[in-house]
Amino acid sequence: MSLAGISLLIIAIAFAFIAIFVVKTLKAASSTMTSVSQTLEKVEGQMQGITTESESLLKKTNHIASDIETKTKTLDGLMDALDNVGTTVGHVNQSIQGVSESVAHASHERDEKVTKALRWGDAAIELYLKWKRKKVQ
């Protein structure tokens, strides 16, 4: 065999080794891609589950927000009513205070009149008793 034949044999063997390693590398890459594909399918399934749960949670949150808004509006009416009740109670207290002051004033005036009447009564009794004593003497 000549030098060119040996060179061709070495090139053929080298090409065969390269071909074998390329095939092994491609098989490994194919296996890895299959594994990645399966993993992505699982992730996709989990994402669909998460998406469904997120949509459900969002609907529930919107429902709760709507319910809270409705109840808040109801409480606004209640707060207005309580404010009116507070105002009314304040007016009632002012009226009661006015009546109390009027009663106290009227009572004071009547006390003075009763005191005067008692004094006049005492004076009349004393005069009567003096007149009676003079009559008896």
C-alpha atoms as a PDB file:
ATOM      1  CA  MET A   1       0.000   0.000   0.000  1.00  0.00           C
ATOM      2  CA  SER A   2       1.174   3.308  -0.879  1.00  0.00           C
ATOM      3  CA  LEU A   3       1.278   6.387   1.204  1.00  0.00           C
ATOM      4  CA  ALA A   4      -1.833   7.743  -0.457  1.00  0.00           C
ATOM      5  CA  GLY A   5      -3.721   4.525   0.318  1.00  0.00           C
ATOM      6  CA  ILE A   6      -2.712   4.655   3.973  1.00  0.00           C
ATOM      7  CA  SER A   7      -3.736   8.291   4.113  1.00  0.00           C
ATOM      8  CA  LEU A   8      -7.107   7.437   2.611  1.00  0.00           C
ATOM      9  CA  LEU A   9      -7.541   4.585   5.105  1.00  0.00           C
ATOM     10  CA  ILE A  10      -6.766   6.906   8.042  1.00  0.00           C
ATOM     11  CA  ILE A  11      -9.171   9.524   6.665  1.00  0.00           C
ATOM     12  CA  ALA A  12     -11.883   6.849   6.260  1.00  0.00           C
ATOM     13  CA  ILE A  13     -11.360   5.582   9.813  1.00  0.00           C
ATOM     14  CA  ALA A  14     -11.383   9.158  11.140  1.00  0.00           C
ATOM     15  CA  PHE A  15     -14.551   9.880   9.168  1.00  0.00           C
ATOM     16  CA  ALA A  16     -16.129   6.701  10.586  1.00  0.00           C
ATOM     17  CA  PHE A  17     -15.238   7.753  14.157  1.00  0.00           C
ATOM     18  CA  ILE A  18     -16.602  11.243  13.535  1.00  0.00           C
ATOM     19  CA  ALA A  19     -19.781   9.759  12.079  1.00  0.00           C
ATOM     20  CA  ILE A  20     -20.170   7.463  15.135  1.00  0.00           C
ATOM     21  CA  PHE A  21     -19.654  10.344  17.567  1.00  0.00           C
ATOM     22  CA  VAL A  22     -22.061  12.565  15.616  1.00  0.00           C
ATOM     23  CA  VAL A  23     -24.679   9.778  15.722  1.00  0.00           C
ATOM     24  CA  LYS A  24     -24.168   9.312  19.502  1.00  0.00           C
ATOM     25  CA  THR A  25     -24.359  13.078  20.049  1.00  0.00           C
ATOM     26  CA  LEU A  26     -27.526  13.332  17.965  1.00  0.00           C
ATOM     27  CA  LYS A  27     -29.086  10.402  19.900  1.00  0.00           C
ATOM     28  CA  ALA A  28     -28.199  12.103  23.195  1.00  0.00           C
ATOM     29  CA  ALA A  29     -29.625  15.396  21.902  1.00  0.00           C
ATOM     30  CA  SER A  30     -32.742  13.564  20.744  1.00  0.00           C
ATOM     31  CA  SER A  31     -33.143  11.995  24.195  1.00  0.00           C
ATOM     32  CA  THR A  32     -32.639  15.374  25.857  1.00  0.00           C
ATOM     33  CA  MET A  33     -35.148  17.026  23.519  1.00  0.00           C
ATOM     34  CA  THR A  34     -37.683  14.271  24.290  1.00  0.00           C
ATOM     35  CA  SER A  35     -37.183  14.860  28.019  1.00  0.00           C
ATOM     36  CA  VAL A  36     -37.507  18.635  27.540  1.00  0.00           C
ATOM     37  CA  SER A  37     -40.660  18.104  25.482  1.00  0.00           C
ATOM     38  CA  GLN A  38     -42.206  15.933  28.206  1.00  0.00           C
ATOM     39  CA  THR A  39     -41.256  18.485  30.865  1.00  0.00           C
ATOM     40  CA  LEU A  40     -42.797  21.302  28.828  1.00  0.00           C
ATOM     41  CA  GLU A  41     -45.989  19.279  28.395  1.00  0.00           C
ATOM     42  CA  LYS A  42     -46.180  18.858  32.184  1.00  0.00           C
ATOM     43  CA  VAL A  43     -45.495  22.578  32.698  1.00  0.00           C
ATOM     44  CA  GLU A  44     -48.165  23.420  30.118  1.00  0.00           C
ATOM     45  CA  GLY A  45     -50.667  21.198  31.959  1.00  0.00           C
ATOM     46  CA  GLN A  46     -49.770  22.831  35.271  1.00  0.00           C
ATOM     47  CA  MET A  47     -50.054  26.297  33.704  1.00  0.00           C
ATOM     48  CA  GLN A  48     -53.528  25.440  32.417  1.00  0.00           C
ATOM     49  CA  GLY A  49     -54.465  24.361  35.958  1.00  0.00           C
ATOM     50  CA  ILE A  50     -52.997  27.540  37.396  1.00  0.00           C
ATOM     51  CA  THR A  51     -54.788  29.622  34.756  1.00  0.00           C
ATOM     52  CA  THR A  52     -58.113  27.948  35.574  1.00  0.00           C
ATOM     53  CA  GLU A  53     -57.595  28.458  39.298  1.00  0.00           C
ATOM     54  CA  SER A  54     -56.514  32.072  38.734  1.00  0.00           C
ATOM     55  CA  GLU A  55     -59.642  32.782  36.681  1.00  0.00           C
ATOM     56  CA  SER A  56     -61.797  31.187  39.375  1.00  0.00           C
ATOM     57  CA  LEU A  57     -60.029  33.204  42.062  1.00  0.00           C
ATOM     58  CA  LEU A  58     -60.430  36.395  40.033  1.00  0.00           C
ATOM     59  CA  LYS A  59     -64.175  35.746  39.611  1.00  0.00           C
ATOM     60  CA  LYS A  60     -64.547  35.125  43.354  1.00  0.00           C
ATOM     61  CA  THR A  61     -62.558  38.274  44.108  1.00  0.00           C
ATOM     62  CA  ASN A  62     -64.771  40.319  41.789  1.00  0.00           C
ATOM     63  CA  HIS A  63     -67.876  38.832  43.411  1.00  0.00           C
ATOM     64  CA  ILE A  64     -66.544  39.642  46.890  1.00  0.00           C
ATOM     65  CA  ALA A  65     -65.653  43.192  45.790  1.00  0.00           C
ATOM     66  CA  SER A  66     -69.160  43.647  44.377  1.00  0.00           C
ATOM     67  CA  ASP A  67     -70.690  42.280  47.577  1.00  0.00           C
ATOM     68  CA  ILE A  68     -68.555  44.606  49.695  1.00  0.00           C
ATOM     69  CA  GLU A  69     -69.551  47.566  47.522  1.00  0.00           C
ATOM     70  CA  THR A  70     -73.240  46.698  47.920  1.00  0.00           C
ATOM     71  CA  LYS A  71     -72.884  46.325  51.676  1.00  0.00           C
ATOM     72  CA  THR A  72     -70.924  49.561  51.884  1.00  0.00           C
ATOM     73  CA  LYS A  73     -73.721  51.385  50.079  1.00  0.00           C
ATOM     74  CA  THR A  74     -76.187  49.870  52.553  1.00  0.00           C
ATOM     75  CA  LEU A  75     -74.005  51.024  55.426  1.00  0.00           C
ATOM     76  CA  ASP A  76     -73.890  54.523  53.939  1.00  0.00           C
ATOM     77  CA  GLY A  77     -77.661  54.716  54.319  1.00  0.00           C
ATOM     78  CA  LEU A  78     -77.396  53.373  57.848  1.00  0.00           C
ATOM     79  CA  MET A  79     -74.725  55.942  58.706  1.00  0.00           C
ATOM     80  CA  ASP A  80     -76.911  58.719  57.331  1.00  0.00           C
ATOM     81  CA  ALA A  81     -79.809  57.428  59.421  1.00  0.00           C
ATOM     82  CA  LEU A  82     -77.592  57.287  62.513  1.00  0.00           C
ATOM     83  CA  ASP A  83     -76.421  60.818  61.815  1.00  0.00           C
ATOM     84  CA  ASN A  84     -80.059  61.934  61.633  1.00  0.00           C
ATOM     85  CA  VAL A  85     -80.800  60.088  64.867  1.00  0.00           C
ATOM     86  CA  GLY A  86     -77.853  61.858  66.507  1.00  0.00           C
ATOM     87  CA  THR A  87     -79.109  65.225  65.300  1.00  0.00           C
ATOM     88  CA  THR A  88     -82.619  64.417  66.519  1.00  0.00           C
ATOM     89  CA  VAL A  89     -81.311  63.335  69.931  1.00  0.00           C
ATOM     90  CA  GLY A  90     -79.399  66.623  70.123  1.00  0.00           C
ATOM     91  CA  HIS A  91     -82.589  68.557  69.378  1.00  0.00           C
ATOM     92  CA  VAL A  92     -84.491  66.517  71.969  1.00  0.00           C
ATOM     93  CA  ASN A  93     -81.782  67.239  74.542  1.00  0.00           C
ATOM     94  CA  GLN A  94     -81.991  70.954  73.758  1.00  0.00           C
ATOM     95  CA  SER A  95     -85.781  70.834  74.093  1.00  0.00           C
ATOM     96  CA  ILE A  96     -85.552  68.965  77.387  1.00  0.00           C
ATOM     97  CA  GLN A  97     -82.985  71.459  78.648  1.00  0.00           C
ATOM     98  CA  GLY A  98     -85.295  74.317  77.648  1.00  0.00           C
ATOM     99  CA  VAL A  99     -88.259  72.702  79.400  1.00  0.00           C
ATOM    100  CA  SER A 100     -86.106  72.031  82.453  1.00  0.00           C
ATOM    101  CA  GLU A 101     -85.014  75.665  82.569  1.00  0.00           C
ATOM    102  CA  SER A 102     -88.626  76.805  82.155  1.00  0.00           C
ATOM    103  CA  VAL A 103     -89.773  74.499  84.954  1.00  0.00           C
ATOM    104  CA  ALA A 104     -86.954  75.690  87.192  1.00  0.00           C
ATOM    105  CA  HIS A 105     -87.820  79.335  86.460  1.00  0.00           C
ATOM    106  CA  ALA A 106     -91.535  78.746  87.001  1.00  0.00           C
ATOM    107  CA  SER A 107     -90.796  76.816  90.175  1.00  0.00           C
ATOM    108  CA  HIS A 108     -88.639  79.677  91.450  1.00  0.00           C
ATOM    109  CA  GLU A 109     -91.389  82.173  90.698  1.00  0.00           C
ATOM    110  CA  ARG A 110     -93.989  79.989  92.409  1.00  0.00           C
ATOM    111  CA  ASP A 111     -91.672  79.502  95.385  1.00  0.00           C
ATOM    112  CA  GLU A 112     -91.540  83.278  95.750  1.00  0.00           C
ATOM    113  CA  LYS A 113     -95.326  83.536  95.449  1.00  0.00           C
ATOM    114  CA  VAL A 114     -95.811  80.706  97.954  1.00  0.00           C
ATOM    115  CA  THR A 115     -93.341  82.390 100.318  1.00  0.00           C
ATOM    116  CA  LYS A 116     -95.240  85.680 100.003  1.00  0.00           C
ATOM    117  CA  ALA A 117     -98.544  83.887 100.518  1.00  0.00           C
ATOM    118  CA  LEU A 118     -97.181  82.176 103.644  1.00  0.00           C
ATOM    119  CA  ARG A 119     -95.930  85.489 104.989  1.00  0.00           C
ATOM    120  CA  TRP A 120     -99.327  87.074 104.328  1.00  0.00           C
ATOM    121  CA  GLY A 121    -100.943  84.043 105.932  1.00  0.00           C
ATOM    122  CA  ASP A 122     -98.679  84.343 109.015  1.00  0.00           C
ATOM    123  CA  ALA A 123     -99.425  88.052 109.186  1.00  0.00           C
ATOM    124  CA  ALA A 124    -103.174  87.391 108.891  1.00  0.00           C
ATOM    125  CA  ILE A 125    -103.013  84.726 111.605  1.00  0.00           C
ATOM    126  CA  GLU A 126    -101.095  87.073 113.908  1.00  0.00           C
ATOM    127  CA  LEU A 127    -103.602  89.827 113.297  1.00  0.00           C
ATOM    128  CA  TYR A 128    -106.450  87.444 113.968  1.00  0.00           C
ATOM    129  CA  LEU A 129    -104.806  86.212 117.156  1.00  0.00           C
ATOM    130  CA  LYS A 130    -104.179  89.810 118.317  1.00  0.00           C
ATOM    131  CA  TRP A 131    -107.761  90.753 117.544  1.00  0.00           C
ATOM    132  CA  LYS A 132    -108.988  87.706 119.418  1.00  0.00           C
ATOM    133  CA  ARG A 133    -106.824  88.540 122.435  1.00  0.00           C
ATOM    134  CA  LYS A 134    -108.093  92.082 122.468  1.00  0.00           C
ATOM    135  CA  LYS A 135    -111.607  90.817 122.283  1.00  0.00           C
ATOM    136  CA  VAL A 136    -111.101  88.465 125.159  1.00  0.00           C
ATOM    137  CA  GLN A 137    -109.607  91.142 127.384  1.00  0.00           C
END
